[in-house]
Amino acid sequence: MATENISFNVLKHELVPEHDLLPEEEVEKILEKFKITRDQLPKIKTNDAAIKVLENVYERPIQEGSVIKIVRKSETAELFVAYRLVVGS
């Protein structure tokens, strides 16, 4: 299913930061860099609107345990990167 079939693509709204599904090898590098475990990441639920759009983009369900990279534009830091662990609804 393409993102055009979604009634409203929240990821295209100017106030919603960029969301991207990370490949597992990049997740491992991030966890090692910050010396944390996957469970220590902030959470995002599988029923979040951004996750639903990403499922259409990747044309598959986003599994629990996946990690989403969120890039926010900031006036002070230019870009702020956050990571979220996908958990059940």
Protein backbone atom coordinates (compact mmCIF):
# COMPACT_ATOMS: atom_id res chain seq x y z
CA MET A 1 0.00 0.00 0.00
CA ALA A 2 1.45 3.38 -0.94
CA THR A 3 1.37 6.46 1.29
CA GLU A 4 -1.04 8.10 -1.18
CA ASN A 5 -3.75 5.70 0.09
CA ILE A 6 -3.56 7.09 3.61
CA SER A 7 -6.28 9.66 4.31
CA PHE A 8 -3.76 11.96 6.02
CA ASN A 9 -0.01 11.38 5.98
CA VAL A 10 1.15 12.84 9.30
CA LEU A 11 4.79 12.64 8.24
CA LYS A 12 4.20 15.29 5.59
CA HIS A 13 2.96 17.84 8.14
CA GLU A 14 5.47 20.64 8.79
CA LEU A 15 5.30 20.20 12.57
CA VAL A 16 5.96 16.44 12.53
CA PRO A 17 9.65 15.49 12.61
CA GLU A 18 11.21 13.04 10.17
CA HIS A 19 10.72 9.37 11.19
CA ASP A 20 12.72 6.46 9.79
CA LEU A 21 12.99 2.75 10.57
CA LEU A 22 16.57 1.81 11.43
CA PRO A 23 18.19 -1.37 10.14
CA GLU A 24 19.29 -3.76 12.90
CA GLU A 25 23.03 -3.19 12.35
CA GLU A 26 22.56 0.56 12.88
CA VAL A 27 20.49 -0.09 16.02
CA GLU A 28 23.36 -2.12 17.49
CA LYS A 29 25.81 0.72 16.78
CA ILE A 30 23.53 3.27 18.46
CA LEU A 31 23.03 1.09 21.54
CA GLU A 32 26.78 0.53 21.82
CA LYS A 33 27.55 4.22 21.31
CA PHE A 34 25.24 5.29 24.14
CA LYS A 35 25.99 2.19 26.26
CA ILE A 36 22.31 1.40 26.75
CA THR A 37 19.98 -1.52 26.16
CA ARG A 38 17.06 -1.49 23.77
CA ASP A 39 14.59 -1.37 26.70
CA GLN A 40 16.15 1.89 27.93
CA LEU A 41 15.05 3.76 24.81
CA PRO A 42 11.92 5.93 24.95
CA LYS A 43 8.90 4.12 23.51
CA ILE A 44 6.55 4.60 20.56
CA LYS A 45 3.43 2.46 20.21
CA THR A 46 2.59 0.34 17.19
CA ASN A 47 -0.71 2.22 16.82
CA ASP A 48 1.02 5.64 16.59
CA ALA A 49 0.03 7.48 13.41
CA ALA A 50 3.69 7.81 12.33
CA ILE A 51 4.19 4.04 12.65
CA LYS A 52 1.10 3.40 10.53
CA VAL A 53 2.49 5.65 7.79
CA LEU A 54 5.92 3.95 7.98
CA GLU A 55 4.22 0.57 7.57
CA ASN A 56 2.77 1.83 4.30
CA VAL A 57 6.13 3.27 3.22
CA TYR A 58 7.99 0.00 3.93
CA GLU A 59 5.01 -2.09 2.77
CA ARG A 60 5.19 -4.33 5.83
CA PRO A 61 4.27 -4.20 9.52
CA ILE A 62 6.73 -2.47 11.85
CA GLN A 63 7.52 -5.13 14.45
CA GLU A 64 7.70 -4.58 18.19
CA GLY A 65 11.36 -4.21 19.15
CA SER A 66 12.18 -2.17 16.05
CA VAL A 67 13.83 1.22 16.52
CA ILE A 68 12.67 4.44 14.90
CA LYS A 69 15.03 7.38 14.34
CA ILE A 70 13.35 10.77 14.74
CA VAL A 71 15.09 13.90 13.46
CA ARG A 72 13.72 17.22 14.68
CA LYS A 73 14.72 20.62 13.38
CA SER A 74 15.81 22.89 16.22
CA GLU A 75 16.55 26.61 16.28
CA THR A 76 19.33 26.09 18.83
CA ALA A 77 20.78 22.70 17.86
CA GLU A 78 19.92 22.74 14.14
CA LEU A 79 19.04 19.03 14.22
CA PHE A 80 18.11 16.89 17.22
CA VAL A 81 18.11 13.10 16.79
CA ALA A 82 16.08 10.84 19.04
CA TYR A 83 15.44 7.10 18.97
CA ARG A 84 12.25 5.27 19.97
CA LEU A 85 11.61 1.59 20.64
CA VAL A 86 8.43 0.27 19.02
CA VAL A 87 6.16 -1.37 21.61
CA GLY A 88 2.67 -2.87 21.45
CA SER A 89 -0.41 -0.69 21.69
